[in-house]
């Protein structure tokens, strides 16, 4: 039973496109955004 679970987990990882170590983004790529934290409301 463990062999079947191992096989299924390997196939799942292979199907999702995992193909090795993560690589850094190409040059010229930037990430930006905005974060707001607080409590809002009206009385």
Protein backbone atom coordinates (compact mmCIF):
# COMPACT_ATOMS: atom_id res chain seq x y z
CA UNK A 1 0.00 0.00 0.00
CA UNK A 2 2.89 2.35 0.75
CA UNK A 3 4.33 1.75 -2.71
CA UNK A 4 1.05 2.81 -4.33
CA UNK A 5 0.91 5.98 -2.22
CA UNK A 6 4.52 6.79 -3.12
CA UNK A 7 3.85 6.24 -6.81
CA UNK A 8 0.75 8.44 -6.72
CA UNK A 9 2.62 11.24 -4.96
CA UNK A 10 5.46 11.10 -7.50
CA UNK A 11 2.98 11.21 -10.38
CA UNK A 12 1.17 14.14 -8.79
CA UNK A 13 4.37 16.15 -8.48
CA UNK A 14 5.37 15.27 -12.04
CA UNK A 15 1.98 16.31 -13.38
CA UNK A 16 2.05 19.74 -11.74
CA UNK A 17 5.12 20.84 -13.67
CA UNK A 18 7.75 20.65 -10.94
CA UNK A 19 10.98 20.37 -12.92
CA UNK A 20 13.82 21.07 -10.53
CA UNK A 21 15.16 23.77 -8.27
CA UNK A 22 13.53 27.19 -8.36
CA UNK A 23 15.44 29.76 -10.38
CA UNK A 24 15.68 33.50 -9.77
CA UNK A 25 13.56 35.72 -11.99
CA UNK A 26 14.96 37.08 -15.22
CA UNK A 27 16.50 40.54 -15.11
CA UNK A 28 14.06 43.34 -15.83
CA UNK A 29 11.30 41.65 -13.86
CA UNK A 30 9.96 43.61 -10.92
CA UNK A 31 7.38 42.91 -8.28
CA UNK A 32 5.34 45.72 -6.80
CA UNK A 33 2.23 46.08 -4.75
CA UNK A 34 0.52 47.78 -1.87
CA UNK A 35 -0.41 46.48 1.55
CA UNK A 36 -2.86 48.13 3.93
CA UNK A 37 -3.48 46.94 7.46
CA UNK A 38 -6.09 48.38 9.77
CA UNK A 39 -9.62 48.31 11.05
CA UNK A 40 -12.34 50.17 9.22
CA UNK A 41 -15.95 50.79 9.91
CA UNK A 42 -18.57 53.39 10.69
CA UNK A 43 -20.76 53.95 13.70
